[in-house]
Amino acid sequence: MMKLAAFRHLRDLQRQEMDDFSFNYDQEAVNKVMVFAQFTPDVDTGEPVELMGWQQFIMSQLFGWKNEDGGVRFTKSLISVGRAQGKTMIAAIIMCYTFLIDSIGLTNQDYLVASINWKQTSKLLGYLKTMLRKIIEIEPFKGLAKQSGLMIQNDQIIMKKYNNVIRAISFESGQFDSFHFNTAIVDEVGELKSREKTSKILSGQIKIDNRRYIQISTSYPDPKVPFYDDQRMLKKSMEEDYKRDADTYLCLVWAQDDLKEINMPESWAKSNPLLNLADQKDKLLKGLIDKRDSDLLSGTIGDFETKNMNMWLNEKENRYIDLKDINNAIIADDDLTLMDATCM
């Protein structure tokens, strides 16, 4: 799907000259967020982060594309990549930049980090807090933090002077109704069975200028979830790029193209882009091969296929038909003829 995302980006760059295309790519805004990213530390090593190409592409799409008023183009985003590929780090950088830089001049803004349960949510918040503590030791962010009265508290981060707050709320609690989030980052949303709770977040954002709803997840065993439905819809939209559907919905999915690639480790960078990092490749590849072989022996290969290859299966129903085959067999109502109906 990343080829489709790249194609969409290139076509949109061409469309900037067209009167009926109301978006533009702001290279200066991209440069700005890339410079900021250089100050963000890896929370494990304390060393400055050096974004890889695929991570830079995420940031450039989120912050580079603007609407005709110079505001956010992609108000909704879907980002998916294999397990242990640094999703939490990317989410933290996005939130740090949005909270520290994009909030300048704004007051009374709410920001959200959320996940399935409190354990997962607190992990994301903890990563964010550690990163933010290190960033505000460096000028000019140190002065910005002092000026805004930034305080890192137990379950939230607040700018006291401006009343801008990052809140951590789990989907288990579902207490989203009273908030209107400027930016909402929801992690592992692929496990959610319905749109009931995410719709509360989205409905609260309706009147917010430059809102962002960013969902990040790997694939899960059960394909009957909204996250997979949205992936299918967005893939179709990018394949039919000429229709210009979903112009404000970003889709970036790093996944294998076929289950047969389980025996092609040389292709696994499609879903595990950290394999393109020279100093991590050998260790990561060995770990992935060990996981594949172990899952094959234990009869749980579906876990490797979903989490590590980032592919959606149909194993939840324990059927013998592959989900890809089912999707390919779907026939639209208007394609059925009278003879087809008679045969049925």
C-alpha atoms as a PDB file:
ATOM      1  CA  MET A   1       0.000   0.000   0.000  1.00  0.00           C
ATOM      2  CA  MET A   2       2.951   2.340   0.387  1.00  0.00           C
ATOM      3  CA  LYS A   3       3.352   2.434  -3.401  1.00  0.00           C
ATOM      4  CA  LEU A   4      -0.209   3.740  -3.572  1.00  0.00           C
ATOM      5  CA  ALA A   5       0.517   6.344  -0.888  1.00  0.00           C
ATOM      6  CA  ALA A   6       3.620   7.504  -2.767  1.00  0.00           C
ATOM      7  CA  PHE A   7       1.658   7.642  -6.034  1.00  0.00           C
ATOM      8  CA  ARG A   8      -1.036   9.722  -4.354  1.00  0.00           C
ATOM      9  CA  HIS A   9       1.597  12.133  -3.026  1.00  0.00           C
ATOM     10  CA  LEU A  10       3.204  12.558  -6.449  1.00  0.00           C
ATOM     11  CA  ARG A  11      -0.135  13.083  -8.184  1.00  0.00           C
ATOM     12  CA  ASP A  12      -1.137  15.641  -5.558  1.00  0.00           C
ATOM     13  CA  LEU A  13       2.113  17.524  -6.099  1.00  0.00           C
ATOM     14  CA  GLN A  14       1.131  17.759  -9.778  1.00  0.00           C
ATOM     15  CA  ARG A  15      -2.412  18.819  -8.886  1.00  0.00           C
ATOM     16  CA  GLN A  16      -1.195  21.863  -6.961  1.00  0.00           C
ATOM     17  CA  GLU A  17      -1.308  23.805 -10.213  1.00  0.00           C
ATOM     18  CA  MET A  18      -4.961  22.904 -10.830  1.00  0.00           C
ATOM     19  CA  ASP A  19      -7.776  25.269  -9.868  1.00  0.00           C
ATOM     20  CA  ASP A  20      -9.998  22.520  -8.466  1.00  0.00           C
ATOM     21  CA  PHE A  21      -7.322  21.236  -6.054  1.00  0.00           C
ATOM     22  CA  SER A  22      -7.441  23.169  -2.791  1.00  0.00           C
ATOM     23  CA  PHE A  23      -4.318  21.767  -1.112  1.00  0.00           C
ATOM     24  CA  ASN A  24      -0.635  22.641  -1.289  1.00  0.00           C
ATOM     25  CA  TYR A  25       2.601  21.112  -0.054  1.00  0.00           C
ATOM     26  CA  ASP A  26       4.517  23.448   2.260  1.00  0.00           C
ATOM     27  CA  GLN A  27       8.201  22.498   2.138  1.00  0.00           C
ATOM     28  CA  GLU A  28       9.051  25.111   4.764  1.00  0.00           C
ATOM     29  CA  ALA A  29       6.650  23.450   7.205  1.00  0.00           C
ATOM     30  CA  VAL A  30       8.293  20.091   6.481  1.00  0.00           C
ATOM     31  CA  ASN A  31      11.761  21.533   7.114  1.00  0.00           C
ATOM     32  CA  LYS A  32      10.528  22.968  10.396  1.00  0.00           C
ATOM     33  CA  VAL A  33       9.257  19.656  11.758  1.00  0.00           C
ATOM     34  CA  MET A  34      12.406  17.849  10.580  1.00  0.00           C
ATOM     35  CA  VAL A  35      14.594  20.298  12.491  1.00  0.00           C
ATOM     36  CA  PHE A  36      12.442  19.763  15.586  1.00  0.00           C
ATOM     37  CA  ALA A  37      12.784  15.990  15.240  1.00  0.00           C
ATOM     38  CA  GLN A  38      16.567  16.369  15.439  1.00  0.00           C
ATOM     39  CA  PHE A  39      16.154  17.639  19.007  1.00  0.00           C
ATOM     40  CA  THR A  40      13.951  14.753  20.120  1.00  0.00           C
ATOM     41  CA  PRO A  41      15.844  12.013  21.961  1.00  0.00           C
ATOM     42  CA  ASP A  42      15.576   8.271  21.819  1.00  0.00           C
ATOM     43  CA  VAL A  43      14.246   7.697  25.333  1.00  0.00           C
ATOM     44  CA  ASP A  44      16.281   4.487  25.683  1.00  0.00           C
ATOM     45  CA  THR A  45      19.673   5.894  24.715  1.00  0.00           C
ATOM     46  CA  GLY A  46      19.194   9.628  25.223  1.00  0.00           C
ATOM     47  CA  GLU A  47      20.767  10.215  21.818  1.00  0.00           C
ATOM     48  CA  PRO A  48      19.070  12.526  19.288  1.00  0.00           C
ATOM     49  CA  VAL A  49      16.706  10.739  16.934  1.00  0.00           C
ATOM     50  CA  GLU A  50      17.736  10.438  13.296  1.00  0.00           C
ATOM     51  CA  LEU A  51      14.551   9.755  11.375  1.00  0.00           C
ATOM     52  CA  MET A  52      14.669   7.148   8.618  1.00  0.00           C
ATOM     53  CA  GLY A  53      13.142   7.878   5.228  1.00  0.00           C
ATOM     54  CA  TRP A  54       9.834   6.161   6.025  1.00  0.00           C
ATOM     55  CA  GLN A  55       9.526   8.110   9.284  1.00  0.00           C
ATOM     56  CA  GLN A  56      10.301  11.356   7.479  1.00  0.00           C
ATOM     57  CA  PHE A  57       7.547  10.519   5.002  1.00  0.00           C
ATOM     58  CA  ILE A  58       5.027  10.210   7.847  1.00  0.00           C
ATOM     59  CA  MET A  59       6.006  13.606   9.242  1.00  0.00           C
ATOM     60  CA  SER A  60       6.055  15.266   5.822  1.00  0.00           C
ATOM     61  CA  GLN A  61       2.557  14.042   4.997  1.00  0.00           C
ATOM     62  CA  LEU A  62       1.089  15.062   8.353  1.00  0.00           C
ATOM     63  CA  PHE A  63       2.665  18.506   8.545  1.00  0.00           C
ATOM     64  CA  GLY A  64       3.554  19.375   4.945  1.00  0.00           C
ATOM     65  CA  TRP A  65       0.166  19.190   3.276  1.00  0.00           C
ATOM     66  CA  LYS A  66      -2.015  22.259   3.916  1.00  0.00           C
ATOM     67  CA  ASN A  67      -5.519  23.303   2.941  1.00  0.00           C
ATOM     68  CA  GLU A  68      -6.303  26.523   1.075  1.00  0.00           C
ATOM     69  CA  ASP A  69      -6.305  28.466   4.366  1.00  0.00           C
ATOM     70  CA  GLY A  70      -2.867  27.193   5.313  1.00  0.00           C
ATOM     71  CA  GLY A  71      -4.302  24.810   7.884  1.00  0.00           C
ATOM     72  CA  VAL A  72      -4.199  21.036   8.315  1.00  0.00           C
ATOM     73  CA  ARG A  73      -5.160  18.993   5.250  1.00  0.00           C
ATOM     74  CA  PHE A  74      -5.272  15.500   6.748  1.00  0.00           C
ATOM     75  CA  THR A  75      -7.706  15.778   9.635  1.00  0.00           C
ATOM     76  CA  LYS A  76      -7.800  11.970   9.841  1.00  0.00           C
ATOM     77  CA  SER A  77      -4.819   9.651   9.488  1.00  0.00           C
ATOM     78  CA  LEU A  78      -4.345   5.884   9.512  1.00  0.00           C
ATOM     79  CA  ILE A  79      -0.805   4.621  10.116  1.00  0.00           C
ATOM     80  CA  SER A  80       0.043   0.933  10.317  1.00  0.00           C
ATOM     81  CA  VAL A  81       3.363  -0.909  10.543  1.00  0.00           C
ATOM     82  CA  GLY A  82       4.661  -4.186  11.957  1.00  0.00           C
ATOM     83  CA  ARG A  83       5.314  -4.823  15.639  1.00  0.00           C
ATOM     84  CA  ALA A  84       8.372  -3.253  17.324  1.00  0.00           C
ATOM     85  CA  GLN A  85       9.019  -0.733  14.549  1.00  0.00           C
ATOM     86  CA  GLY A  86       8.964   2.409  16.697  1.00  0.00           C
ATOM     87  CA  LYS A  87       5.275   3.375  16.512  1.00  0.00           C
ATOM     88  CA  THR A  88       5.410   4.794  20.048  1.00  0.00           C
ATOM     89  CA  MET A  89       8.402   6.986  19.229  1.00  0.00           C
ATOM     90  CA  ILE A  90       6.716   8.428  16.143  1.00  0.00           C
ATOM     91  CA  ALA A  91       3.510   9.075  18.106  1.00  0.00           C
ATOM     92  CA  ALA A  92       5.516  10.870  20.807  1.00  0.00           C
ATOM     93  CA  ILE A  93       7.369  13.090  18.320  1.00  0.00           C
ATOM     94  CA  ILE A  94       4.090  14.035  16.621  1.00  0.00           C
ATOM     95  CA  MET A  95       2.480  14.955  19.934  1.00  0.00           C
ATOM     96  CA  CYS A  96       5.532  16.854  21.221  1.00  0.00           C
ATOM     97  CA  TYR A  97       5.655  18.967  18.071  1.00  0.00           C
ATOM     98  CA  THR A  98       1.919  19.585  18.023  1.00  0.00           C
ATOM     99  CA  PHE A  99       1.823  20.493  21.717  1.00  0.00           C
ATOM    100  CA  LEU A 100       4.966  22.649  21.851  1.00  0.00           C
ATOM    101  CA  ILE A 101       5.049  24.281  18.416  1.00  0.00           C
ATOM    102  CA  ASP A 102       1.643  24.088  16.738  1.00  0.00           C
ATOM    103  CA  SER A 103      -0.026  25.290  19.950  1.00  0.00           C
ATOM    104  CA  ILE A 104       1.823  28.629  19.971  1.00  0.00           C
ATOM    105  CA  GLY A 105      -0.817  31.350  20.138  1.00  0.00           C
ATOM    106  CA  LEU A 106      -3.554  28.925  21.239  1.00  0.00           C
ATOM    107  CA  THR A 107      -5.237  28.588  24.634  1.00  0.00           C
ATOM    108  CA  ASN A 108      -7.625  26.116  26.280  1.00  0.00           C
ATOM    109  CA  GLN A 109      -6.652  23.288  23.934  1.00  0.00           C
ATOM    110  CA  ASP A 110      -7.036  19.606  24.795  1.00  0.00           C
ATOM    111  CA  TYR A 111      -4.768  16.912  23.350  1.00  0.00           C
ATOM    112  CA  LEU A 112      -5.285  13.167  23.660  1.00  0.00           C
ATOM    113  CA  VAL A 113      -3.141  10.059  23.874  1.00  0.00           C
ATOM    114  CA  ALA A 114      -5.235   6.908  24.120  1.00  0.00           C
ATOM    115  CA  SER A 115      -4.976   3.161  23.788  1.00  0.00           C
ATOM    116  CA  ILE A 116      -7.029   0.042  24.494  1.00  0.00           C
ATOM    117  CA  ASN A 117      -6.455  -0.079  28.247  1.00  0.00           C
ATOM    118  CA  TRP A 118      -4.763   2.018  30.896  1.00  0.00           C
ATOM    119  CA  LYS A 119      -1.584  -0.083  30.818  1.00  0.00           C
ATOM    120  CA  GLN A 120      -1.062   0.633  27.120  1.00  0.00           C
ATOM    121  CA  THR A 121      -2.154   4.255  27.477  1.00  0.00           C
ATOM    122  CA  SER A 122       0.217   4.898  30.386  1.00  0.00           C
ATOM    123  CA  LYS A 123       3.064   3.347  28.394  1.00  0.00           C
ATOM    124  CA  LEU A 124       2.496   5.849  25.577  1.00  0.00           C
ATOM    125  CA  LEU A 125       2.151   8.716  28.064  1.00  0.00           C
ATOM    126  CA  GLY A 126       5.304   7.618  29.899  1.00  0.00           C
ATOM    127  CA  TYR A 127       7.289   7.591  26.661  1.00  0.00           C
ATOM    128  CA  LEU A 128       5.935  11.037  25.805  1.00  0.00           C
ATOM    129  CA  LYS A 129       6.784  12.447  29.255  1.00  0.00           C
ATOM    130  CA  THR A 130      10.347  11.108  29.120  1.00  0.00           C
ATOM    131  CA  MET A 131      10.877  12.592  25.661  1.00  0.00           C
ATOM    132  CA  LEU A 132       9.377  15.935  26.653  1.00  0.00           C
ATOM    133  CA  ARG A 133      11.523  16.197  29.802  1.00  0.00           C
ATOM    134  CA  LYS A 134      14.652  15.863  27.692  1.00  0.00           C
ATOM    135  CA  ILE A 135      13.448  18.288  25.000  1.00  0.00           C
ATOM    136  CA  ILE A 136      12.717  21.100  27.468  1.00  0.00           C
ATOM    137  CA  GLU A 137      16.276  20.929  28.772  1.00  0.00           C
ATOM    138  CA  ILE A 138      17.341  22.409  25.419  1.00  0.00           C
ATOM    139  CA  GLU A 139      16.865  25.992  24.231  1.00  0.00           C
ATOM    140  CA  PRO A 140      14.669  27.405  22.819  1.00  0.00           C
ATOM    141  CA  PHE A 141      12.257  24.791  24.211  1.00  0.00           C
ATOM    142  CA  LYS A 142      13.499  25.366  27.758  1.00  0.00           C
ATOM    143  CA  GLY A 143      12.438  29.000  27.568  1.00  0.00           C
ATOM    144  CA  LEU A 144       9.153  28.056  25.903  1.00  0.00           C
ATOM    145  CA  ALA A 145       8.361  25.591  28.693  1.00  0.00           C
ATOM    146  CA  LYS A 146       9.135  28.181  31.373  1.00  0.00           C
ATOM    147  CA  GLN A 147       7.083  30.870  29.648  1.00  0.00           C
ATOM    148  CA  SER A 148       4.038  28.595  29.294  1.00  0.00           C
ATOM    149  CA  GLY A 149       4.287  27.139  32.801  1.00  0.00           C
ATOM    150  CA  LEU A 150       4.667  23.620  31.441  1.00  0.00           C
ATOM    151  CA  MET A 151       4.182  20.949  34.101  1.00  0.00           C
ATOM    152  CA  ILE A 152       4.546  17.192  33.624  1.00  0.00           C
ATOM    153  CA  GLN A 153       2.093  15.592  36.029  1.00  0.00           C
ATOM    154  CA  ASN A 154       1.103  12.020  36.823  1.00  0.00           C
ATOM    155  CA  ASP A 155      -1.641  11.522  34.234  1.00  0.00           C
ATOM    156  CA  GLN A 156      -1.406  14.683  32.148  1.00  0.00           C
ATOM    157  CA  ILE A 157       0.916  17.376  30.809  1.00  0.00           C
ATOM    158  CA  ILE A 158      -0.249  20.964  31.154  1.00  0.00           C
ATOM    159  CA  MET A 159       0.752  24.474  30.103  1.00  0.00           C
ATOM    160  CA  LYS A 160      -0.638  26.333  33.127  1.00  0.00           C
ATOM    161  CA  LYS A 161      -0.443  29.791  31.575  1.00  0.00           C
ATOM    162  CA  TYR A 162      -2.434  28.802  28.479  1.00  0.00           C
ATOM    163  CA  ASN A 163      -4.447  25.883  29.877  1.00  0.00           C
ATOM    164  CA  ASN A 164      -3.318  23.580  27.075  1.00  0.00           C
ATOM    165  CA  VAL A 165      -3.446  19.983  28.326  1.00  0.00           C
ATOM    166  CA  ILE A 166      -2.336  16.566  27.054  1.00  0.00           C
ATOM    167  CA  ARG A 167      -4.711  14.024  28.577  1.00  0.00           C
ATOM    168  CA  ALA A 168      -4.267  10.260  28.777  1.00  0.00           C
ATOM    169  CA  ILE A 169      -7.574   8.383  28.548  1.00  0.00           C
ATOM    170  CA  SER A 170      -8.003   4.682  27.840  1.00  0.00           C
ATOM    171  CA  PHE A 171     -10.746   3.217  25.680  1.00  0.00           C
ATOM    172  CA  GLU A 172     -11.712   1.091  28.676  1.00  0.00           C
ATOM    173  CA  SER A 173     -12.840   4.212  30.494  1.00  0.00           C
ATOM    174  CA  GLY A 174     -14.208   5.827  27.340  1.00  0.00           C
ATOM    175  CA  GLN A 175     -14.511   9.231  29.004  1.00  0.00           C
ATOM    176  CA  PHE A 176     -14.216  11.296  25.831  1.00  0.00           C
ATOM    177  CA  ASP A 177     -17.606  13.030  25.725  1.00  0.00           C
ATOM    178  CA  SER A 178     -16.759  16.343  27.378  1.00  0.00           C
ATOM    179  CA  PHE A 179     -13.575  17.035  25.412  1.00  0.00           C
ATOM    180  CA  HIS A 180     -12.844  18.705  22.080  1.00  0.00           C
ATOM    181  CA  PHE A 181      -9.372  17.497  21.194  1.00  0.00           C
ATOM    182  CA  ASN A 182      -7.108  19.576  18.991  1.00  0.00           C
ATOM    183  CA  THR A 183      -5.006  16.483  18.311  1.00  0.00           C
ATOM    184  CA  ALA A 184      -5.912  12.915  19.235  1.00  0.00           C
ATOM    185  CA  ILE A 185      -3.427  10.053  18.862  1.00  0.00           C
ATOM    186  CA  VAL A 186      -4.965   6.632  19.419  1.00  0.00           C
ATOM    187  CA  ASP A 187      -2.699   3.601  19.633  1.00  0.00           C
ATOM    188  CA  GLU A 188      -3.492  -0.060  18.801  1.00  0.00           C
ATOM    189  CA  VAL A 189      -6.933   0.945  17.565  1.00  0.00           C
ATOM    190  CA  GLY A 190      -6.981  -2.207  15.410  1.00  0.00           C
ATOM    191  CA  GLU A 191      -8.314  -4.094  18.423  1.00  0.00           C
ATOM    192  CA  LEU A 192     -11.480  -1.982  18.735  1.00  0.00           C
ATOM    193  CA  LYS A 193     -14.602  -3.871  17.626  1.00  0.00           C
ATOM    194  CA  SER A 194     -16.821  -0.839  16.975  1.00  0.00           C
ATOM    195  CA  ARG A 195     -16.712   2.892  16.294  1.00  0.00           C
ATOM    196  CA  GLU A 196     -18.695   3.742  19.411  1.00  0.00           C
ATOM    197  CA  LYS A 197     -15.830   5.296  21.369  1.00  0.00           C
ATOM    198  CA  THR A 198     -13.776   6.688  18.502  1.00  0.00           C
ATOM    199  CA  SER A 199     -16.893   8.454  17.218  1.00  0.00           C
ATOM    200  CA  LYS A 200     -17.061  10.342  20.524  1.00  0.00           C
ATOM    201  CA  ILE A 201     -13.568  11.686  19.895  1.00  0.00           C
ATOM    202  CA  LEU A 202     -14.350  12.627  16.292  1.00  0.00           C
ATOM    203  CA  SER A 203     -17.677  14.280  17.078  1.00  0.00           C
ATOM    204  CA  GLY A 204     -15.955  16.399  19.723  1.00  0.00           C
ATOM    205  CA  GLN A 205     -13.435  17.622  17.135  1.00  0.00           C
ATOM    206  CA  ILE A 206     -15.957  18.896  14.579  1.00  0.00           C
ATOM    207  CA  LYS A 207     -15.619  22.593  15.462  1.00  0.00           C
ATOM    208  CA  ILE A 208     -11.864  22.496  16.100  1.00  0.00           C
ATOM    209  CA  ASP A 209      -9.727  24.270  13.502  1.00  0.00           C
ATOM    210  CA  ASN A 210      -6.727  22.254  12.323  1.00  0.00           C
ATOM    211  CA  ARG A 211      -7.835  19.152  14.193  1.00  0.00           C
ATOM    212  CA  ARG A 212      -5.980  15.879  13.853  1.00  0.00           C
ATOM    213  CA  TYR A 213      -7.213  12.370  14.575  1.00  0.00           C
ATOM    214  CA  ILE A 214      -4.303   9.955  14.159  1.00  0.00           C
ATOM    215  CA  GLN A 215      -4.833   6.212  14.582  1.00  0.00           C
ATOM    216  CA  ILE A 216      -1.784   3.958  14.785  1.00  0.00           C
ATOM    217  CA  SER A 217      -1.871   0.176  14.940  1.00  0.00           C
ATOM    218  CA  THR A 218      -0.620  -3.142  13.677  1.00  0.00           C
ATOM    219  CA  SER A 219      -3.012  -5.707  12.207  1.00  0.00           C
ATOM    220  CA  TYR A 220      -5.067  -7.961  14.491  1.00  0.00           C
ATOM    221  CA  PRO A 221      -6.484 -11.492  14.102  1.00  0.00           C
ATOM    222  CA  ASP A 222     -10.100 -10.348  13.737  1.00  0.00           C
ATOM    223  CA  PRO A 223     -10.645  -8.466  10.438  1.00  0.00           C
ATOM    224  CA  LYS A 224     -14.193  -7.459  11.369  1.00  0.00           C
ATOM    225  CA  VAL A 225     -13.069  -4.178  12.903  1.00  0.00           C
ATOM    226  CA  PRO A 226     -13.346  -0.516  11.808  1.00  0.00           C
ATOM    227  CA  PHE A 227      -9.574  -0.130  11.415  1.00  0.00           C
ATOM    228  CA  TYR A 228      -9.492  -2.804   8.707  1.00  0.00           C
ATOM    229  CA  ASP A 229     -12.663  -1.448   7.091  1.00  0.00           C
ATOM    230  CA  ASP A 230     -10.990   1.947   6.801  1.00  0.00           C
ATOM    231  CA  GLN A 231      -7.843   0.384   5.324  1.00  0.00           C
ATOM    232  CA  ARG A 232      -9.878  -1.307   2.609  1.00  0.00           C
ATOM    233  CA  MET A 233     -11.806   1.870   1.872  1.00  0.00           C
ATOM    234  CA  LEU A 234      -8.649   3.969   1.670  1.00  0.00           C
ATOM    235  CA  LYS A 235      -6.845   1.432  -0.503  1.00  0.00           C
ATOM    236  CA  LYS A 236      -9.736   1.542  -2.976  1.00  0.00           C
ATOM    237  CA  SER A 237      -9.682   5.334  -2.865  1.00  0.00           C
ATOM    238  CA  MET A 238      -5.949   5.453  -3.664  1.00  0.00           C
ATOM    239  CA  GLU A 239      -6.352   2.883  -6.444  1.00  0.00           C
ATOM    240  CA  GLU A 240      -9.059   5.113  -7.931  1.00  0.00           C
ATOM    241  CA  ASP A 241      -6.986   8.236  -7.403  1.00  0.00           C
ATOM    242  CA  TYR A 242      -8.719  10.100 -10.227  1.00  0.00           C
ATOM    243  CA  LYS A 243     -11.944  10.216  -8.194  1.00  0.00           C
ATOM    244  CA  ARG A 244     -10.236  12.251  -5.462  1.00  0.00           C
ATOM    245  CA  ASP A 245     -12.164  10.565  -2.657  1.00  0.00           C
ATOM    246  CA  ALA A 246     -10.880  10.782   0.924  1.00  0.00           C
ATOM    247  CA  ASP A 247      -8.825  13.895   0.167  1.00  0.00           C
ATOM    248  CA  THR A 248      -8.473  14.683   3.878  1.00  0.00           C
ATOM    249  CA  TYR A 249      -7.824  11.121   5.096  1.00  0.00           C
ATOM    250  CA  LEU A 250      -4.168  10.009   5.112  1.00  0.00           C
ATOM    251  CA  CYS A 251      -3.338   6.310   4.758  1.00  0.00           C
ATOM    252  CA  LEU A 252       0.174   4.957   5.345  1.00  0.00           C
ATOM    253  CA  VAL A 253       0.416   1.165   5.693  1.00  0.00           C
ATOM    254  CA  TRP A 254       3.669  -0.794   5.758  1.00  0.00           C
ATOM    255  CA  ALA A 255       2.692  -4.444   5.175  1.00  0.00           C
ATOM    256  CA  GLN A 256       3.639  -7.503   3.161  1.00  0.00           C
ATOM    257  CA  ASP A 257       1.861  -7.953  -0.157  1.00  0.00           C
ATOM    258  CA  ASP A 258       1.257 -11.688   0.104  1.00  0.00           C
ATOM    259  CA  LEU A 259       1.292 -14.419   2.744  1.00  0.00           C
ATOM    260  CA  LYS A 260       3.743 -16.339   0.545  1.00  0.00           C
ATOM    261  CA  GLU A 261       6.350 -13.793   1.592  1.00  0.00           C
ATOM    262  CA  ILE A 262       6.549 -15.549   4.952  1.00  0.00           C
ATOM    263  CA  ASN A 263       9.343 -17.572   3.324  1.00  0.00           C
ATOM    264  CA  MET A 264      11.016 -14.495   1.843  1.00  0.00           C
ATOM    265  CA  PRO A 265      12.875 -12.719   4.672  1.00  0.00           C
ATOM    266  CA  GLU A 266      14.500 -10.452   2.104  1.00  0.00           C
ATOM    267  CA  SER A 267      11.057  -8.865   1.565  1.00  0.00           C
ATOM    268  CA  TRP A 268      10.191  -8.276   5.212  1.00  0.00           C
ATOM    269  CA  ALA A 269      11.321  -4.649   5.187  1.00  0.00           C
ATOM    270  CA  LYS A 270       7.928  -3.912   3.614  1.00  0.00           C
ATOM    271  CA  SER A 271       6.307  -4.411   7.023  1.00  0.00           C
ATOM    272  CA  ASN A 272       9.441  -4.007   9.153  1.00  0.00           C
ATOM    273  CA  PRO A 273      11.154  -0.885   7.776  1.00  0.00           C
ATOM    274  CA  LEU A 274      13.717  -0.883  10.597  1.00  0.00           C
ATOM    275  CA  LEU A 275      15.350  -3.730   8.649  1.00  0.00           C
ATOM    276  CA  ASN A 276      16.700  -0.975   6.405  1.00  0.00           C
ATOM    277  CA  LEU A 277      18.737   0.315   9.350  1.00  0.00           C
ATOM    278  CA  ALA A 278      22.198  -1.178   8.879  1.00  0.00           C
ATOM    279  CA  ASP A 279      23.154  -1.420  12.560  1.00  0.00           C
ATOM    280  CA  GLN A 280      19.894  -3.170  13.498  1.00  0.00           C
ATOM    281  CA  LYS A 281      19.247  -5.352  10.467  1.00  0.00           C
ATOM    282  CA  ASP A 282      21.042  -8.549  11.505  1.00  0.00           C
ATOM    283  CA  LYS A 283      19.664  -8.599  15.053  1.00  0.00           C
ATOM    284  CA  LEU A 284      16.108  -7.753  13.977  1.00  0.00           C
ATOM    285  CA  LEU A 285      16.098 -10.222  11.080  1.00  0.00           C
ATOM    286  CA  LYS A 286      17.355 -13.035  13.315  1.00  0.00           C
ATOM    287  CA  GLY A 287      14.623 -12.250  15.836  1.00  0.00           C
ATOM    288  CA  LEU A 288      11.945 -12.279  13.137  1.00  0.00           C
ATOM    289  CA  ILE A 289      13.142 -15.586  11.681  1.00  0.00           C
ATOM    290  CA  ASP A 290      13.224 -17.142  15.160  1.00  0.00           C
ATOM    291  CA  LYS A 291       9.674 -15.900  15.799  1.00  0.00           C
ATOM    292  CA  ARG A 292       8.430 -17.283  12.483  1.00  0.00           C
ATOM    293  CA  ASP A 293      10.017 -20.683  13.065  1.00  0.00           C
ATOM    294  CA  SER A 294       8.735 -20.869  16.633  1.00  0.00           C
ATOM    295  CA  ASP A 295       5.184 -19.960  15.571  1.00  0.00           C
ATOM    296  CA  LEU A 296       5.295 -22.548  12.791  1.00  0.00           C
ATOM    297  CA  LEU A 297       6.255 -25.262  15.282  1.00  0.00           C
ATOM    298  CA  SER A 298       3.594 -24.244  17.796  1.00  0.00           C
ATOM    299  CA  GLY A 299       0.842 -23.857  15.191  1.00  0.00           C
ATOM    300  CA  THR A 300       0.420 -20.144  15.920  1.00  0.00           C
ATOM    301  CA  ILE A 301       1.847 -18.773  12.674  1.00  0.00           C
ATOM    302  CA  GLY A 302      -1.130 -16.430  12.413  1.00  0.00           C
ATOM    303  CA  ASP A 303       0.407 -14.291  15.155  1.00  0.00           C
ATOM    304  CA  PHE A 304       3.541 -13.753  13.066  1.00  0.00           C
ATOM    305  CA  GLU A 305       1.494 -13.043   9.946  1.00  0.00           C
ATOM    306  CA  THR A 306      -0.673 -10.428  11.638  1.00  0.00           C
ATOM    307  CA  LYS A 307       1.722  -8.715  14.022  1.00  0.00           C
ATOM    308  CA  ASN A 308       5.059  -9.025  12.231  1.00  0.00           C
ATOM    309  CA  MET A 309       4.001  -9.147   8.574  1.00  0.00           C
ATOM    310  CA  ASN A 310       1.167  -6.703   9.370  1.00  0.00           C
ATOM    311  CA  MET A 311      -1.404  -8.640   7.335  1.00  0.00           C
ATOM    312  CA  TRP A 312      -5.080  -9.186   8.055  1.00  0.00           C
ATOM    313  CA  LEU A 313      -6.196 -12.821   8.156  1.00  0.00           C
ATOM    314  CA  ASN A 314      -9.450 -14.673   8.615  1.00  0.00           C
ATOM    315  CA  GLU A 315      -8.197 -16.917  11.411  1.00  0.00           C
ATOM    316  CA  LYS A 316     -10.716 -15.527  13.903  1.00  0.00           C
ATOM    317  CA  GLU A 317     -13.435 -17.636  12.280  1.00  0.00           C
ATOM    318  CA  ASN A 318     -11.036 -20.586  11.729  1.00  0.00           C
ATOM    319  CA  ARG A 319     -12.066 -20.910   8.098  1.00  0.00           C
ATOM    320  CA  TYR A 320     -10.105 -22.535   5.305  1.00  0.00           C
ATOM    321  CA  ILE A 321     -10.605 -19.594   2.957  1.00  0.00           C
ATOM    322  CA  ASP A 322      -8.107 -16.751   3.001  1.00  0.00           C
ATOM    323  CA  LEU A 323      -9.449 -13.251   3.668  1.00  0.00           C
ATOM    324  CA  LYS A 324      -7.832 -11.983   0.454  1.00  0.00           C
ATOM    325  CA  ASP A 325      -9.755 -14.595  -1.550  1.00  0.00           C
ATOM    326  CA  ILE A 326     -13.015 -13.558   0.107  1.00  0.00           C
ATOM    327  CA  ASN A 327     -12.419  -9.879  -0.704  1.00  0.00           C
ATOM    328  CA  ASN A 328     -11.568 -10.720  -4.323  1.00  0.00           C
ATOM    329  CA  ALA A 329     -14.763 -12.769  -4.656  1.00  0.00           C
ATOM    330  CA  ILE A 330     -17.091  -9.945  -3.611  1.00  0.00           C
ATOM    331  CA  ILE A 331     -19.382  -8.903  -6.482  1.00  0.00           C
ATOM    332  CA  ALA A 332     -21.196  -5.588  -6.470  1.00  0.00           C
ATOM    333  CA  ASP A 333     -24.994  -5.804  -6.753  1.00  0.00           C
ATOM    334  CA  ASP A 334     -25.064  -3.927 -10.048  1.00  0.00           C
ATOM    335  CA  ASP A 335     -22.663  -6.488 -11.550  1.00  0.00           C
ATOM    336  CA  LEU A 336     -25.116  -9.365 -11.068  1.00  0.00           C
ATOM    337  CA  THR A 337     -27.153 -10.344 -14.125  1.00  0.00           C
ATOM    338  CA  LEU A 338     -30.549 -12.052 -14.259  1.00  0.00           C
ATOM    339  CA  MET A 339     -28.800 -15.263 -15.331  1.00  0.00           C
ATOM    340  CA  ASP A 340     -26.527 -15.025 -12.264  1.00  0.00           C
ATOM    341  CA  ALA A 341     -29.569 -14.628 -10.035  1.00  0.00           C
ATOM    342  CA  THR A 342     -31.304 -17.605 -11.681  1.00  0.00           C
ATOM    343  CA  CYS A 343     -28.276 -19.809 -11.203  1.00  0.00           C
ATOM    344  CA  MET A 344     -28.146 -18.831  -7.574  1.00  0.00           C
END
